[in-house]
All heavy atoms as atom14 arrays in JSON, in Angstrom:
{
  "sequence": "SCAVSGSISSIHAMGWYRQAPGKERELVAEVTTGG",
  "atom14_mask": [
    [1, 1, 1, 1, 1, 1, 0, 0, 0, 0, 0, 0, 0, 0],
    [1, 1, 1, 1, 1, 1, 0, 0, 0, 0, 0, 0, 0, 0],
    [1, 1, 1, 1, 1, 0, 0, 0, 0, 0, 0, 0, 0, 0],
    [1, 1, 1, 1, 1, 1, 1, 0, 0, 0, 0, 0, 0, 0],
    [1, 1, 1, 1, 1, 1, 0, 0, 0, 0, 0, 0, 0, 0],
    [1, 1, 1, 1, 0, 0, 0, 0, 0, 0, 0, 0, 0, 0],
    [1, 1, 1, 1, 1, 1, 0, 0, 0, 0, 0, 0, 0, 0],
    [1, 1, 1, 1, 1, 1, 1, 1, 0, 0, 0, 0, 0, 0],
    [1, 1, 1, 1, 1, 1, 0, 0, 0, 0, 0, 0, 0, 0],
    [1, 1, 1, 1, 1, 1, 0, 0, 0, 0, 0, 0, 0, 0],
    [1, 1, 1, 1, 1, 1, 1, 1, 0, 0, 0, 0, 0, 0],
    [1, 1, 1, 1, 1, 1, 1, 1, 1, 1, 0, 0, 0, 0],
    [1, 1, 1, 1, 1, 0, 0, 0, 0, 0, 0, 0, 0, 0],
    [1, 1, 1, 1, 1, 1, 1, 1, 0, 0, 0, 0, 0, 0],
    [1, 1, 1, 1, 0, 0, 0, 0, 0, 0, 0, 0, 0, 0],
    [1, 1, 1, 1, 1, 1, 1, 1, 1, 1, 1, 1, 1, 1],
    [1, 1, 1, 1, 1, 1, 1, 1, 1, 1, 1, 1, 0, 0],
    [1, 1, 1, 1, 1, 1, 1, 1, 1, 1, 1, 0, 0, 0],
    [1, 1, 1, 1, 1, 1, 1, 1, 1, 0, 0, 0, 0, 0],
    [1, 1, 1, 1, 1, 0, 0, 0, 0, 0, 0, 0, 0, 0],
    [1, 1, 1, 1, 1, 1, 1, 0, 0, 0, 0, 0, 0, 0],
    [1, 1, 1, 1, 0, 0, 0, 0, 0, 0, 0, 0, 0, 0],
    [1, 1, 1, 1, 1, 1, 1, 1, 1, 0, 0, 0, 0, 0],
    [1, 1, 1, 1, 1, 1, 1, 1, 1, 0, 0, 0, 0, 0],
    [1, 1, 1, 1, 1, 1, 1, 1, 1, 1, 1, 0, 0, 0],
    [1, 1, 1, 1, 1, 1, 1, 1, 1, 0, 0, 0, 0, 0],
    [1, 1, 1, 1, 1, 1, 1, 1, 0, 0, 0, 0, 0, 0],
    [1, 1, 1, 1, 1, 1, 1, 0, 0, 0, 0, 0, 0, 0],
    [1, 1, 1, 1, 1, 0, 0, 0, 0, 0, 0, 0, 0, 0],
    [1, 1, 1, 1, 1, 1, 1, 1, 1, 0, 0, 0, 0, 0],
    [1, 1, 1, 1, 1, 1, 1, 0, 0, 0, 0, 0, 0, 0],
    [1, 1, 1, 1, 1, 1, 1, 0, 0, 0, 0, 0, 0, 0],
    [1, 1, 1, 1, 1, 1, 1, 0, 0, 0, 0, 0, 0, 0],
    [1, 1, 1, 1, 0, 0, 0, 0, 0, 0, 0, 0, 0, 0],
    [1, 1, 1, 1, 0, 0, 0, 0, 0, 0, 0, 0, 0, 0]
  ],
  "atom14_positions": [
    [[6.73, -4.03, 7.46], [5.9, -3.08, 8.18], [5.95, -1.68, 7.53], [7.03, -1.33, 6.94], [6.33, -2.88, 9.64], [6.23, -4.13, 10.33], [0.0, 0.0, 0.0], [0.0, 0.0, 0.0], [0.0, 0.0, 0.0], [0.0, 0.0, 0.0], [0.0, 0.0, 0.0], [0.0, 0.0, 0.0], [0.0, 0.0, 0.0], [0.0, 0.0, 0.0]],
    [[4.83, -0.97, 7.51], [4.74, 0.43, 7.01], [3.91, 1.21, 7.88], [2.71, 0.92, 8.05], [4.2, 0.31, 5.57], [3.9, 1.96, 4.84], [0.0, 0.0, 0.0], [0.0, 0.0, 0.0], [0.0, 0.0, 0.0], [0.0, 0.0, 0.0], [0.0, 0.0, 0.0], [0.0, 0.0, 0.0], [0.0, 0.0, 0.0], [0.0, 0.0, 0.0]],
    [[4.52, 2.21, 8.51], [3.85, 3.09, 9.38], [3.59, 4.47, 8.67], [4.48, 5.11, 8.12], [4.63, 3.38, 10.68], [0.0, 0.0, 0.0], [0.0, 0.0, 0.0], [0.0, 0.0, 0.0], [0.0, 0.0, 0.0], [0.0, 0.0, 0.0], [0.0, 0.0, 0.0], [0.0, 0.0, 0.0], [0.0, 0.0, 0.0], [0.0, 0.0, 0.0]],
    [[2.35, 4.9, 8.76], [1.96, 6.16, 8.15], [1.93, 7.25, 9.26], [1.31, 7.0, 10.3], [0.64, 6.04, 7.42], [0.25, 7.34, 6.83], [0.62, 4.95, 6.42], [0.0, 0.0, 0.0], [0.0, 0.0, 0.0], [0.0, 0.0, 0.0], [0.0, 0.0, 0.0], [0.0, 0.0, 0.0], [0.0, 0.0, 0.0], [0.0, 0.0, 0.0]],
    [[2.49, 8.37, 9.04], [2.44, 9.47, 9.94], [2.18, 10.75, 9.18], [2.37, 10.91, 8.04], [3.76, 9.62, 10.73], [4.85, 9.85, 9.89], [0.0, 0.0, 0.0], [0.0, 0.0, 0.0], [0.0, 0.0, 0.0], [0.0, 0.0, 0.0], [0.0, 0.0, 0.0], [0.0, 0.0, 0.0], [0.0, 0.0, 0.0], [0.0, 0.0, 0.0]],
    [[1.81, 11.81, 10.02], [1.54, 13.13, 9.32], [0.13, 13.55, 9.61], [-0.64, 13.02, 10.5], [0.0, 0.0, 0.0], [0.0, 0.0, 0.0], [0.0, 0.0, 0.0], [0.0, 0.0, 0.0], [0.0, 0.0, 0.0], [0.0, 0.0, 0.0], [0.0, 0.0, 0.0], [0.0, 0.0, 0.0], [0.0, 0.0, 0.0], [0.0, 0.0, 0.0]],
    [[-0.33, 14.45, 8.76], [-1.63, 14.94, 8.83], [-2.67, 14.0, 8.12], [-2.71, 14.04, 6.83], [-1.78, 16.32, 8.2], [-0.96, 17.28, 9.0], [0.0, 0.0, 0.0], [0.0, 0.0, 0.0], [0.0, 0.0, 0.0], [0.0, 0.0, 0.0], [0.0, 0.0, 0.0], [0.0, 0.0, 0.0], [0.0, 0.0, 0.0], [0.0, 0.0, 0.0]],
    [[-3.36, 13.2, 8.91], [-4.14, 12.16, 8.3], [-5.57, 12.33, 8.83], [-5.82, 12.36, 9.96], [-3.7, 10.76, 8.73], [-2.21, 10.55, 8.22], [-4.53, 9.7, 8.09], [-1.56, 9.35, 8.77], [0.0, 0.0, 0.0], [0.0, 0.0, 0.0], [0.0, 0.0, 0.0], [0.0, 0.0, 0.0], [0.0, 0.0, 0.0], [0.0, 0.0, 0.0]],
    [[-6.5, 12.45, 7.82], [-7.92, 12.42, 8.18], [-8.41, 10.99, 8.26], [-9.07, 10.63, 9.29], [-8.68, 13.22, 7.18], [-8.34, 14.6, 7.26], [0.0, 0.0, 0.0], [0.0, 0.0, 0.0], [0.0, 0.0, 0.0], [0.0, 0.0, 0.0], [0.0, 0.0, 0.0], [0.0, 0.0, 0.0], [0.0, 0.0, 0.0], [0.0, 0.0, 0.0]],
    [[-8.22, 10.27, 7.23], [-8.58, 8.87, 7.17], [-7.8, 8.13, 6.11], [-7.23, 8.72, 5.21], [-10.13, 8.72, 6.8], [-10.34, 9.29, 5.48], [0.0, 0.0, 0.0], [0.0, 0.0, 0.0], [0.0, 0.0, 0.0], [0.0, 0.0, 0.0], [0.0, 0.0, 0.0], [0.0, 0.0, 0.0], [0.0, 0.0, 0.0], [0.0, 0.0, 0.0]],
    [[-7.6, 6.86, 6.34], [-6.84, 6.0, 5.39], [-7.85, 5.1, 4.79], [-8.51, 4.3, 5.49], [-5.71, 5.28, 6.06], [-4.74, 6.33, 6.76], [-4.94, 4.45, 5.09], [-3.58, 5.63, 7.44], [0.0, 0.0, 0.0], [0.0, 0.0, 0.0], [0.0, 0.0, 0.0], [0.0, 0.0, 0.0], [0.0, 0.0, 0.0], [0.0, 0.0, 0.0]],
    [[-7.92, 5.04, 3.49], [-8.74, 4.15, 2.74], [-7.91, 2.85, 2.6], [-7.56, 2.21, 3.55], [-9.11, 4.76, 1.48], [-10.04, 5.95, 1.65], [-11.16, 6.12, 0.79], [-10.0, 6.96, 2.52], [-11.71, 7.29, 1.2], [-11.0, 7.89, 2.27], [0.0, 0.0, 0.0], [0.0, 0.0, 0.0], [0.0, 0.0, 0.0], [0.0, 0.0, 0.0]],
    [[-7.71, 2.4, 1.37], [-6.89, 1.2, 1.17], [-5.48, 1.36, 1.5], [-4.92, 2.43, 1.24], [-7.1, 0.71, -0.25], [0.0, 0.0, 0.0], [0.0, 0.0, 0.0], [0.0, 0.0, 0.0], [0.0, 0.0, 0.0], [0.0, 0.0, 0.0], [0.0, 0.0, 0.0], [0.0, 0.0, 0.0], [0.0, 0.0, 0.0], [0.0, 0.0, 0.0]],
    [[-4.86, 0.33, 2.02], [-3.4, 0.3, 2.23], [-2.91, -0.95, 1.48], [-3.65, -1.94, 1.46], [-3.06, 0.23, 3.69], [-3.47, 1.43, 4.46], [-2.96, 1.41, 6.13], [-1.17, 1.9, 5.93], [0.0, 0.0, 0.0], [0.0, 0.0, 0.0], [0.0, 0.0, 0.0], [0.0, 0.0, 0.0], [0.0, 0.0, 0.0], [0.0, 0.0, 0.0]],
    [[-1.69, -0.96, 1.02], [-1.26, -2.18, 0.39], [0.22, -2.19, 0.08], [0.99, -1.33, 0.47], [0.0, 0.0, 0.0], [0.0, 0.0, 0.0], [0.0, 0.0, 0.0], [0.0, 0.0, 0.0], [0.0, 0.0, 0.0], [0.0, 0.0, 0.0], [0.0, 0.0, 0.0], [0.0, 0.0, 0.0], [0.0, 0.0, 0.0], [0.0, 0.0, 0.0]],
    [[0.63, -3.26, -0.58], [2.03, -3.4, -0.95], [2.1, -3.72, -2.41], [1.35, -4.55, -3.01], [2.63, -4.58, -0.23], [2.77, -4.34, 1.31], [1.84, -4.64, 2.25], [3.91, -3.69, 1.91], [2.3, -4.24, 3.48], [3.52, -3.63, 3.35], [5.09, -3.16, 1.52], [4.38, -3.15, 4.25], [5.92, -2.68, 2.49], [5.64, -2.6, 3.84]],
    [[3.04, -3.08, -3.09], [3.41, -3.31, -4.44], [4.85, -3.67, -4.5], [5.61, -3.44, -3.61], [3.11, -2.08, -5.35], [1.69, -1.71, -5.49], [0.9, -1.25, -4.44], [1.08, -1.82, -6.75], [-0.45, -0.97, -4.62], [-0.24, -1.53, -6.97], [-0.99, -1.04, -5.86], [-2.34, -0.73, -6.09], [0.0, 0.0, 0.0], [0.0, 0.0, 0.0]],
    [[5.25, -4.31, -5.6], [6.64, -4.67, -5.78], [7.05, -4.48, -7.22], [6.29, -4.47, -8.13], [6.9, -6.05, -5.37], [6.3, -7.13, -6.24], [6.58, -8.54, -5.61], [5.96, -9.62, -6.47], [5.89, -10.9, -6.1], [6.32, -11.28, -4.94], [5.37, -11.79, -6.97], [0.0, 0.0, 0.0], [0.0, 0.0, 0.0], [0.0, 0.0, 0.0]],
    [[8.32, -4.23, -7.39], [8.92, -4.02, -8.73], [10.3, -4.72, -8.79], [11.2, -4.37, -8.06], [9.08, -2.56, -9.05], [9.51, -2.22, -10.48], [9.37, -0.79, -10.82], [9.36, 0.12, -10.01], [9.15, -0.49, -12.11], [0.0, 0.0, 0.0], [0.0, 0.0, 0.0], [0.0, 0.0, 0.0], [0.0, 0.0, 0.0], [0.0, 0.0, 0.0]],
    [[10.39, -5.66, -9.71], [11.62, -6.31, -9.92], [12.35, -5.69, -11.12], [11.69, -4.98, -11.96], [11.35, -7.84, -10.24], [0.0, 0.0, 0.0], [0.0, 0.0, 0.0], [0.0, 0.0, 0.0], [0.0, 0.0, 0.0], [0.0, 0.0, 0.0], [0.0, 0.0, 0.0], [0.0, 0.0, 0.0], [0.0, 0.0, 0.0], [0.0, 0.0, 0.0]],
    [[13.62, -5.79, -11.26], [14.31, -5.24, -12.43], [13.77, -5.63, -13.73], [13.54, -6.81, -13.98], [15.8, -5.78, -12.23], [15.9, -6.03, -10.73], [14.56, -6.53, -10.34], [0.0, 0.0, 0.0], [0.0, 0.0, 0.0], [0.0, 0.0, 0.0], [0.0, 0.0, 0.0], [0.0, 0.0, 0.0], [0.0, 0.0, 0.0], [0.0, 0.0, 0.0]],
    [[13.49, -4.64, -14.57], [12.94, -4.97, -15.83], [11.51, -5.26, -15.86], [10.89, -5.64, -16.92], [0.0, 0.0, 0.0], [0.0, 0.0, 0.0], [0.0, 0.0, 0.0], [0.0, 0.0, 0.0], [0.0, 0.0, 0.0], [0.0, 0.0, 0.0], [0.0, 0.0, 0.0], [0.0, 0.0, 0.0], [0.0, 0.0, 0.0], [0.0, 0.0, 0.0]],
    [[10.77, -5.13, -14.73], [9.39, -5.52, -14.64], [8.59, -4.22, -14.24], [9.11, -3.3, -13.71], [9.2, -6.58, -13.65], [9.94, -7.89, -13.91], [9.33, -8.64, -15.08], [9.99, -9.97, -15.25], [9.43, -10.69, -16.44], [0.0, 0.0, 0.0], [0.0, 0.0, 0.0], [0.0, 0.0, 0.0], [0.0, 0.0, 0.0], [0.0, 0.0, 0.0]],
    [[7.31, -4.36, -14.49], [6.41, -3.23, -14.09], [6.07, -3.45, -12.66], [6.1, -4.58, -12.05], [5.08, -3.32, -14.9], [5.32, -3.09, -16.41], [5.68, -1.62, -16.69], [5.16, -0.73, -15.97], [6.53, -1.38, -17.59], [0.0, 0.0, 0.0], [0.0, 0.0, 0.0], [0.0, 0.0, 0.0], [0.0, 0.0, 0.0], [0.0, 0.0, 0.0]],
    [[5.75, -2.31, -11.97], [5.3, -2.37, -10.59], [3.97, -3.16, -10.56], [3.1, -2.81, -11.34], [5.22, -0.95, -10.03], [4.85, -1.05, -8.45], [4.83, 0.44, -7.87], [6.14, 1.06, -7.91], [6.45, 2.19, -7.32], [5.48, 2.84, -6.66], [7.65, 2.66, -7.41], [0.0, 0.0, 0.0], [0.0, 0.0, 0.0], [0.0, 0.0, 0.0]],
    [[3.85, -4.04, -9.61], [2.58, -4.85, -9.57], [2.07, -4.83, -8.13], [2.84, -4.8, -7.19], [2.9, -6.25, -10.13], [3.86, -7.1, -9.2], [3.96, -8.5, -9.62], [3.21, -8.97, -10.56], [4.86, -9.22, -9.06], [0.0, 0.0, 0.0], [0.0, 0.0, 0.0], [0.0, 0.0, 0.0], [0.0, 0.0, 0.0], [0.0, 0.0, 0.0]],
    [[0.75, -5.04, -8.12], [0.1, -5.19, -6.85], [0.47, -6.51, -6.23], [0.43, -7.57, -6.87], [-1.39, -5.06, -6.87], [-2.23, -5.44, -5.71], [-2.09, -4.3, -4.67], [-3.7, -5.56, -6.07], [0.0, 0.0, 0.0], [0.0, 0.0, 0.0], [0.0, 0.0, 0.0], [0.0, 0.0, 0.0], [0.0, 0.0, 0.0], [0.0, 0.0, 0.0]],
    [[0.85, -6.53, -4.95], [1.09, -7.76, -4.19], [-0.15, -8.1, -3.35], [-0.6, -9.14, -3.38], [2.36, -7.67, -3.39], [2.57, -8.91, -2.48], [3.57, -7.33, -4.2], [0.0, 0.0, 0.0], [0.0, 0.0, 0.0], [0.0, 0.0, 0.0], [0.0, 0.0, 0.0], [0.0, 0.0, 0.0], [0.0, 0.0, 0.0], [0.0, 0.0, 0.0]],
    [[-0.48, -7.13, -2.52], [-1.64, -7.3, -1.61], [-2.26, -5.95, -1.23], [-1.46, -4.99, -1.19], [-1.25, -8.1, -0.36], [0.0, 0.0, 0.0], [0.0, 0.0, 0.0], [0.0, 0.0, 0.0], [0.0, 0.0, 0.0], [0.0, 0.0, 0.0], [0.0, 0.0, 0.0], [0.0, 0.0, 0.0], [0.0, 0.0, 0.0], [0.0, 0.0, 0.0]],
    [[-3.5, -5.9, -0.92], [-4.15, -4.67, -0.54], [-5.23, -5.02, 0.51], [-5.86, -6.07, 0.47], [-4.78, -4.08, -1.74], [-5.37, -2.64, -1.49], [-5.9, -2.05, -2.74], [-6.57, -2.72, -3.5], [-5.55, -0.86, -2.99], [0.0, 0.0, 0.0], [0.0, 0.0, 0.0], [0.0, 0.0, 0.0], [0.0, 0.0, 0.0], [0.0, 0.0, 0.0]],
    [[-5.44, -4.13, 1.42], [-6.46, -4.26, 2.42], [-7.19, -2.92, 2.61], [-6.58, -1.9, 2.66], [-5.89, -4.82, 3.76], [-4.84, -3.87, 4.34], [-6.99, -5.01, 4.79], [0.0, 0.0, 0.0], [0.0, 0.0, 0.0], [0.0, 0.0, 0.0], [0.0, 0.0, 0.0], [0.0, 0.0, 0.0], [0.0, 0.0, 0.0], [0.0, 0.0, 0.0]],
    [[-8.5, -2.99, 2.63], [-9.27, -1.86, 2.83], [-9.5, -1.58, 4.4], [-9.18, -2.45, 5.24], [-10.66, -1.92, 2.15], [-11.43, -2.94, 2.82], [-10.49, -2.33, 0.75], [0.0, 0.0, 0.0], [0.0, 0.0, 0.0], [0.0, 0.0, 0.0], [0.0, 0.0, 0.0], [0.0, 0.0, 0.0], [0.0, 0.0, 0.0], [0.0, 0.0, 0.0]],
    [[-10.07, -0.41, 4.7], [-10.33, -0.08, 6.09], [-11.26, -1.15, 6.69], [-11.18, -1.45, 7.84], [-10.99, 1.32, 6.15], [-10.06, 2.31, 5.64], [-11.24, 1.62, 7.62], [0.0, 0.0, 0.0], [0.0, 0.0, 0.0], [0.0, 0.0, 0.0], [0.0, 0.0, 0.0], [0.0, 0.0, 0.0], [0.0, 0.0, 0.0], [0.0, 0.0, 0.0]],
    [[-12.21, -1.57, 5.88], [-13.2, -2.59, 6.33], [-12.62, -4.0, 6.49], [-13.36, -4.83, 6.93], [0.0, 0.0, 0.0], [0.0, 0.0, 0.0], [0.0, 0.0, 0.0], [0.0, 0.0, 0.0], [0.0, 0.0, 0.0], [0.0, 0.0, 0.0], [0.0, 0.0, 0.0], [0.0, 0.0, 0.0], [0.0, 0.0, 0.0], [0.0, 0.0, 0.0]],
    [[-11.39, -4.19, 5.97], [-10.72, -5.47, 6.1], [-10.79, -6.37, 4.91], [-10.3, -7.52, 4.92], [0.0, 0.0, 0.0], [0.0, 0.0, 0.0], [0.0, 0.0, 0.0], [0.0, 0.0, 0.0], [0.0, 0.0, 0.0], [0.0, 0.0, 0.0], [0.0, 0.0, 0.0], [0.0, 0.0, 0.0], [0.0, 0.0, 0.0], [0.0, 0.0, 0.0]]
  ]
}
């Protein structure tokens, strides 16, 4: 879970990335406001 707080006007895409040792950070999944 990831909760966003603070001064927010709108949130566009939200997602998850991951990074394993010795690897580049990579996209795991992403979802837009529209779904």
